[in-house]
PDB file of N, CA and C in Angstrom:
ATOM      1  N   UNK A   1      -4.142  -6.199   6.839  1.00  0.00           N
ATOM      2  CA  UNK A   1      -3.198  -6.983   5.500  1.00  0.00           C
ATOM      3  C   UNK A   1      -4.845  -7.466   5.106  1.00  0.00           C
ATOM      4  N   UNK A   2      -4.716  -7.521   3.618  1.00  0.00           N
ATOM      5  CA  UNK A   2      -5.697  -8.455   2.930  1.00  0.00           C
ATOM      6  C   UNK A   2      -5.555  -9.854   2.711  1.00  0.00           C
ATOM      7  N   UNK A   3      -6.633 -10.360   2.830  1.00  0.00           N
ATOM      8  CA  UNK A   3      -6.627 -12.075   2.423  1.00  0.00           C
ATOM      9  C   UNK A   3      -6.149 -12.318   1.293  1.00  0.00           C
ATOM     10  N   UNK A   4      -5.665 -12.936   1.032  1.00  0.00           N
ATOM     11  CA  UNK A   4      -4.943 -14.002  -0.381  1.00  0.00           C
ATOM     12  C   UNK A   4      -6.397 -15.264  -0.637  1.00  0.00           C
ATOM     13  N   UNK A   5      -6.403 -15.457  -1.952  1.00  0.00           N
ATOM     14  CA  UNK A   5      -7.200 -16.557  -2.724  1.00  0.00           C
ATOM     15  C   UNK A   5      -6.451 -17.771  -2.205  1.00  0.00           C
ATOM     16  N   UNK A   6      -5.398 -17.459  -1.560  1.00  0.00           N
ATOM     17  CA  UNK A   6      -4.733 -18.949  -0.881  1.00  0.00           C
ATOM     18  C   UNK A   6      -5.397 -19.147   0.295  1.00  0.00           C
ATOM     19  N   UNK A   7      -5.121 -18.480   1.403  1.00  0.00           N
ATOM     20  CA  UNK A   7      -6.165 -18.137   2.138  1.00  0.00           C
ATOM     21  C   UNK A   7      -7.595 -18.412   1.694  1.00  0.00           C
ATOM     22  N   UNK A   8      -8.403 -18.080   1.180  1.00  0.00           N
ATOM     23  CA  UNK A   8      -9.771 -17.883   1.008  1.00  0.00           C
ATOM     24  C   UNK A   8     -10.120 -19.794   0.624  1.00  0.00           C
ATOM     25  N   UNK A   9      -9.047 -20.340  -0.054  1.00  0.00           N
ATOM     26  CA  UNK A   9      -9.471 -21.498  -0.587  1.00  0.00           C
ATOM     27  C   UNK A   9      -9.223 -22.530   0.286  1.00  0.00           C
ATOM     28  N   UNK A  10      -7.776 -22.373   1.139  1.00  0.00           N
ATOM     29  CA  UNK A  10      -7.807 -22.707   2.251  1.00  0.00           C
ATOM     30  C   UNK A  10      -9.231 -22.956   3.492  1.00  0.00           C
ATOM     31  N   UNK A  11      -9.367 -21.811   3.590  1.00  0.00           N
ATOM     32  CA  UNK A  11     -10.963 -21.263   4.593  1.00  0.00           C
ATOM     33  C   UNK A  11     -11.922 -22.353   3.911  1.00  0.00           C
ATOM     34  N   UNK A  12     -12.309 -22.564   2.451  1.00  0.00           N
ATOM     35  CA  UNK A  12     -13.329 -22.768   2.163  1.00  0.00           C
ATOM     36  C   UNK A  12     -13.047 -24.112   2.460  1.00  0.00           C
ATOM     37  N   UNK A  13     -11.575 -25.012   2.797  1.00  0.00           N
ATOM     38  CA  UNK A  13     -11.452 -26.769   2.053  1.00  0.00           C
ATOM     39  C   UNK A  13     -11.884 -26.797   4.063  1.00  0.00           C
ATOM     40  N   UNK A  14     -12.106 -25.927   4.913  1.00  0.00           N
ATOM     41  CA  UNK A  14     -12.782 -26.168   6.136  1.00  0.00           C
ATOM     42  C   UNK A  14     -13.564 -25.606   6.953  1.00  0.00           C
ATOM     43  N   UNK A  15     -14.498 -24.831   6.175  1.00  0.00           N
ATOM     44  CA  UNK A  15     -15.220 -24.231   6.667  1.00  0.00           C
ATOM     45  C   UNK A  15     -16.490 -24.343   5.871  1.00  0.00           C
ATOM     46  N   UNK A  16     -17.710 -25.156   6.268  1.00  0.00           N
ATOM     47  CA  UNK A  16     -18.614 -25.528   5.766  1.00  0.00           C
ATOM     48  C   UNK A  16     -19.336 -24.515   5.332  1.00  0.00           C
ATOM     49  N   UNK A  17     -19.859 -23.297   6.421  1.00  0.00           N
ATOM     50  CA  UNK A  17     -20.829 -22.346   5.749  1.00  0.00           C
ATOM     51  C   UNK A  17     -20.425 -21.546   4.910  1.00  0.00           C
ATOM     52  N   UNK A  18     -19.019 -21.543   4.778  1.00  0.00           N
ATOM     53  CA  UNK A  18     -18.325 -20.763   3.892  1.00  0.00           C
ATOM     54  C   UNK A  18     -18.147 -21.182   2.473  1.00  0.00           C
ATOM     55  N   UNK A  19     -18.073 -22.531   2.632  1.00  0.00           N
ATOM     56  CA  UNK A  19     -18.444 -23.898   0.864  1.00  0.00           C
ATOM     57  C   UNK A  19     -19.688 -23.293   0.357  1.00  0.00           C
ATOM     58  N   UNK A  20     -20.946 -23.655   1.302  1.00  0.00           N
ATOM     59  CA  UNK A  20     -22.118 -23.620   0.974  1.00  0.00           C
ATOM     60  C   UNK A  20     -22.272 -22.232   0.525  1.00  0.00           C
ATOM     61  N   UNK A  21     -22.139 -21.323   0.809  1.00  0.00           N
ATOM     62  CA  UNK A  21     -22.193 -19.487   0.465  1.00  0.00           C
ATOM     63  C   UNK A  21     -21.806 -19.638  -1.047  1.00  0.00           C
ATOM     64  N   UNK A  22     -20.221 -20.152  -1.076  1.00  0.00           N
ATOM     65  CA  UNK A  22     -19.301 -20.108  -2.353  1.00  0.00           C
ATOM     66  C   UNK A  22     -20.037 -21.085  -3.532  1.00  0.00           C
ATOM     67  N   UNK A  23     -20.990 -21.789  -2.993  1.00  0.00           N
ATOM     68  CA  UNK A  23     -21.238 -22.807  -4.349  1.00  0.00           C
ATOM     69  C   UNK A  23     -22.453 -22.267  -4.688  1.00  0.00           C
ATOM     70  N   UNK A  24     -23.589 -20.938  -4.062  1.00  0.00           N
ATOM     71  CA  UNK A  24     -24.423 -20.292  -4.150  1.00  0.00           C
ATOM     72  C   UNK A  24     -23.948 -19.414  -5.300  1.00  0.00           C
ATOM     73  N   UNK A  25     -22.897 -18.517  -4.591  1.00  0.00           N
ATOM     74  CA  UNK A  25     -22.408 -17.415  -5.232  1.00  0.00           C
ATOM     75  C   UNK A  25     -21.145 -17.207  -5.017  1.00  0.00           C
ATOM     76  N   UNK A  26     -19.898 -17.686  -5.877  1.00  0.00           N
ATOM     77  CA  UNK A  26     -18.452 -17.671  -6.026  1.00  0.00           C
ATOM     78  C   UNK A  26     -18.111 -15.898  -5.526  1.00  0.00           C
ATOM     79  N   UNK A  27     -18.353 -15.462  -6.423  1.00  0.00           N
ATOM     80  CA  UNK A  27     -17.794 -14.000  -6.764  1.00  0.00           C
ATOM     81  C   UNK A  27     -18.361 -13.443  -5.488  1.00  0.00           C
ATOM     82  N   UNK A  28     -19.906 -13.262  -4.875  1.00  0.00           N
ATOM     83  CA  UNK A  28     -20.494 -12.729  -3.546  1.00  0.00           C
ATOM     84  C   UNK A  28     -19.255 -13.337  -2.558  1.00  0.00           C
ATOM     85  N   UNK A  29     -19.071 -14.182  -2.658  1.00  0.00           N
ATOM     86  CA  UNK A  29     -18.497 -15.158  -1.153  1.00  0.00           C
ATOM     87  C   UNK A  29     -17.412 -14.204  -1.647  1.00  0.00           C
ATOM     88  N   UNK A  30     -16.474 -14.520  -2.291  1.00  0.00           N
ATOM     89  CA  UNK A  30     -15.235 -13.841  -2.208  1.00  0.00           C
ATOM     90  C   UNK A  30     -14.985 -12.664  -2.217  1.00  0.00           C
ATOM     91  N   UNK A  31     -16.187 -11.672  -2.337  1.00  0.00           N
ATOM     92  CA  UNK A  31     -15.908 -10.415  -2.476  1.00  0.00           C
ATOM     93  C   UNK A  31     -16.165 -10.274  -1.120  1.00  0.00           C
ATOM     94  N   UNK A  32     -17.201 -10.580  -0.279  1.00  0.00           N
ATOM     95  CA  UNK A  32     -17.194 -10.722   1.119  1.00  0.00           C
ATOM     96  C   UNK A  32     -16.069 -10.949   1.873  1.00  0.00           C
ATOM     97  N   UNK A  33     -15.370 -12.233   1.655  1.00  0.00           N
ATOM     98  CA  UNK A  33     -14.273 -12.456   2.149  1.00  0.00           C
ATOM     99  C   UNK A  33     -13.329 -11.482   2.040  1.00  0.00           C
ATOM    100  N   UNK A  34     -13.194 -10.555   1.184  1.00  0.00           N
ATOM    101  CA  UNK A  34     -12.252  -9.469   1.334  1.00  0.00           C
ATOM    102  C   UNK A  34     -10.910  -9.873   0.332  1.00  0.00           C
ATOM    103  N   UNK A  35     -11.369 -10.464  -0.620  1.00  0.00           N
ATOM    104  CA  UNK A  35     -10.230 -10.430  -1.561  1.00  0.00           C
ATOM    105  C   UNK A  35     -10.022  -9.338  -2.724  1.00  0.00           C
ATOM    106  N   UNK A  36      -8.547  -9.413  -3.278  1.00  0.00           N
ATOM    107  CA  UNK A  36      -8.632  -8.249  -4.001  1.00  0.00           C
ATOM    108  C   UNK A  36      -9.240  -8.472  -5.245  1.00  0.00           C
ATOM    109  N   UNK A  37      -9.277  -7.584  -6.128  1.00  0.00           N
ATOM    110  CA  UNK A  37      -9.847  -7.043  -7.557  1.00  0.00           C
ATOM    111  C   UNK A  37      -9.094  -8.614  -8.339  1.00  0.00           C
ATOM    112  N   UNK A  38      -7.486  -8.465  -8.269  1.00  0.00           N
ATOM    113  CA  UNK A  38      -7.063  -9.080  -8.862  1.00  0.00           C
ATOM    114  C   UNK A  38      -7.263 -10.831  -8.496  1.00  0.00           C
ATOM    115  N   UNK A  39      -7.759 -10.963  -7.064  1.00  0.00           N
ATOM    116  CA  UNK A  39      -8.110 -12.421  -7.182  1.00  0.00           C
ATOM    117  C   UNK A  39      -9.308 -12.798  -7.380  1.00  0.00           C
ATOM    118  N   UNK A  40     -10.184 -11.903  -7.276  1.00  0.00           N
ATOM    119  CA  UNK A  40     -11.856 -11.969  -7.796  1.00  0.00           C
ATOM    120  C   UNK A  40     -12.121 -12.163  -9.242  1.00  0.00           C
ATOM    121  N   UNK A  41     -10.826 -11.773 -10.208  1.00  0.00           N
ATOM    122  CA  UNK A  41     -11.184 -11.687 -11.247  1.00  0.00           C
ATOM    123  C   UNK A  41     -10.540 -13.263 -11.560  1.00  0.00           C
ATOM    124  N   UNK A  42      -9.720 -13.480 -10.903  1.00  0.00           N
ATOM    125  CA  UNK A  42      -9.326 -15.234 -11.268  1.00  0.00           C
ATOM    126  C   UNK A  42     -10.587 -16.021 -10.737  1.00  0.00           C
ATOM    127  N   UNK A  43     -11.636 -15.760  -9.812  1.00  0.00           N
ATOM    128  CA  UNK A  43     -12.341 -16.443  -9.632  1.00  0.00           C
ATOM    129  C   UNK A  43     -13.819 -16.445 -10.443  1.00  0.00           C
ATOM    130  N   UNK A  44     -13.768 -14.925 -10.887  1.00  0.00           N
ATOM    131  CA  UNK A  44     -14.865 -15.006 -12.179  1.00  0.00           C
ATOM    132  C   UNK A  44     -14.619 -15.568 -13.463  1.00  0.00           C
ATOM    133  N   UNK A  45     -13.341 -15.337 -13.826  1.00  0.00           N
ATOM    134  CA  UNK A  45     -12.783 -15.886 -15.367  1.00  0.00           C
ATOM    135  C   UNK A  45     -12.306 -17.369 -15.087  1.00  0.00           C
ATOM    136  N   UNK A  46     -12.618 -17.890 -13.635  1.00  0.00           N
ATOM    137  CA  UNK A  46     -12.361 -19.620 -13.087  1.00  0.00           C
ATOM    138  C   UNK A  46     -10.930 -19.831 -13.712  1.00  0.00           C
ATOM    139  N   UNK A  47     -10.096 -19.168 -13.585  1.00  0.00           N
ATOM    140  CA  UNK A  47      -8.649 -19.226 -14.172  1.00  0.00           C
ATOM    141  C   UNK A  47      -7.789 -20.259 -13.187  1.00  0.00           C
ATOM    142  N   UNK A  48      -8.006 -21.427 -13.046  1.00  0.00           N
ATOM    143  CA  UNK A  48      -7.808 -22.264 -12.038  1.00  0.00           C
ATOM    144  C   UNK A  48      -6.300 -22.735 -11.937  1.00  0.00           C
ATOM    145  N   UNK A  49      -5.443 -22.590 -13.391  1.00  0.00           N
ATOM    146  CA  UNK A  49      -4.018 -22.791 -13.619  1.00  0.00           C
ATOM    147  C   UNK A  49      -3.335 -21.495 -12.881  1.00  0.00           C
ATOM    148  N   UNK A  50      -4.121 -20.232 -12.949  1.00  0.00           N
ATOM    149  CA  UNK A  50      -3.452 -19.134 -11.886  1.00  0.00           C
ATOM    150  C   UNK A  50      -3.188 -19.626 -10.223  1.00  0.00           C
ATOM    151  N   UNK A  51      -4.347 -20.209 -10.326  1.00  0.00           N
ATOM    152  CA  UNK A  51      -4.562 -20.344  -8.485  1.00  0.00           C
ATOM    153  C   UNK A  51      -3.770 -21.536  -8.424  1.00  0.00           C
ATOM    154  N   UNK A  52      -3.825 -22.469  -8.971  1.00  0.00           N
ATOM    155  CA  UNK A  52      -2.802 -23.397  -8.410  1.00  0.00           C
ATOM    156  C   UNK A  52      -1.450 -22.993  -8.817  1.00  0.00           C
ATOM    157  N   UNK A  53      -0.558 -22.071  -9.481  1.00  0.00           N
ATOM    158  CA  UNK A  53       0.696 -21.618  -9.635  1.00  0.00           C
ATOM    159  C   UNK A  53       0.987 -20.818  -8.466  1.00  0.00           C
ATOM    160  N   UNK A  54       0.028 -20.379  -7.875  1.00  0.00           N
ATOM    161  CA  UNK A  54      -0.082 -19.670  -6.447  1.00  0.00           C
ATOM    162  C   UNK A  54       0.092 -20.324  -5.111  1.00  0.00           C
ATOM    163  N   UNK A  55      -0.816 -21.687  -5.244  1.00  0.00           N
ATOM    164  CA  UNK A  55      -0.714 -22.367  -4.344  1.00  0.00           C
ATOM    165  C   UNK A  55       1.329 -23.497  -4.169  1.00  0.00           C
ATOM    166  N   UNK A  56       1.294 -23.489  -5.591  1.00  0.00           N
ATOM    167  CA  UNK A  56       2.545 -24.036  -6.021  1.00  0.00           C
ATOM    168  C   UNK A  56       4.047 -22.778  -5.283  1.00  0.00           C
ATOM    169  N   UNK A  57       3.476 -21.768  -5.616  1.00  0.00           N
ATOM    170  CA  UNK A  57       4.327 -20.512  -4.820  1.00  0.00           C
ATOM    171  C   UNK A  57       4.393 -20.778  -3.426  1.00  0.00           C
ATOM    172  N   UNK A  58       3.337 -20.612  -2.520  1.00  0.00           N
ATOM    173  CA  UNK A  58       3.825 -20.690  -1.450  1.00  0.00           C
ATOM    174  C   UNK A  58       4.206 -21.725  -0.740  1.00  0.00           C
ATOM    175  N   UNK A  59       5.254 -21.600   0.421  1.00  0.00           N
ATOM    176  CA  UNK A  59       6.309 -22.607   0.966  1.00  0.00           C
ATOM    177  C   UNK A  59       5.443 -23.230   2.430  1.00  0.00           C
ATOM    178  N   UNK A  60       4.216 -23.656   1.936  1.00  0.00           N
ATOM    179  CA  UNK A  60       3.389 -24.117   2.702  1.00  0.00           C
ATOM    180  C   UNK A  60       3.148 -25.694   2.790  1.00  0.00           C
ATOM    181  N   UNK A  61       2.899 -26.451   3.629  1.00  0.00           N
ATOM    182  CA  UNK A  61       2.429 -27.604   3.167  1.00  0.00           C
ATOM    183  C   UNK A  61       1.519 -28.116   2.472  1.00  0.00           C
ATOM    184  N   UNK A  62       1.833 -28.907   1.440  1.00  0.00           N
ATOM    185  CA  UNK A  62       0.512 -29.193   0.337  1.00  0.00           C
ATOM    186  C   UNK A  62      -0.775 -29.619   0.723  1.00  0.00           C
ATOM    187  N   UNK A  63      -2.014 -28.795   0.689  1.00  0.00           N
ATOM    188  CA  UNK A  63      -3.378 -28.984   0.901  1.00  0.00           C
ATOM    189  C   UNK A  63      -4.329 -29.283  -0.256  1.00  0.00           C
ATOM    190  N   UNK A  64      -5.073 -30.389   0.469  1.00  0.00           N
ATOM    191  CA  UNK A  64      -5.952 -30.802  -0.480  1.00  0.00           C
ATOM    192  C   UNK A  64      -7.311 -29.370  -0.475  1.00  0.00           C
ATOM    193  N   UNK A  65      -7.468 -29.188  -1.739  1.00  0.00           N
ATOM    194  CA  UNK A  65      -8.355 -27.904  -1.420  1.00  0.00           C
ATOM    195  C   UNK A  65      -9.802 -28.313  -2.522  1.00  0.00           C
ATOM    196  N   UNK A  66     -10.979 -28.156  -2.410  1.00  0.00           N
ATOM    197  CA  UNK A  66     -11.928 -28.770  -3.358  1.00  0.00           C
ATOM    198  C   UNK A  66     -12.909 -27.264  -3.372  1.00  0.00           C
ATOM    199  N   UNK A  67     -12.995 -27.319  -4.439  1.00  0.00           N
ATOM    200  CA  UNK A  67     -13.415 -25.706  -4.812  1.00  0.00           C
ATOM    201  C   UNK A  67     -14.612 -26.087  -6.131  1.00  0.00           C
TER     202      UNK A  67
END
């Protein structure tokens, strides 16, 4: 199963090594994590409104994500 951008951002919030790699090169880190081309485009374009919509669509507890 492919990992989603929601999974990636949750992992960023809990994994300091992943966060440091993301700060250095967000797109390469997301690519290595295994995100789809569609999700990678959201990061490349810094389309945070769409990312927020995906979190809102999740039926999970609200989480604080720092990116």
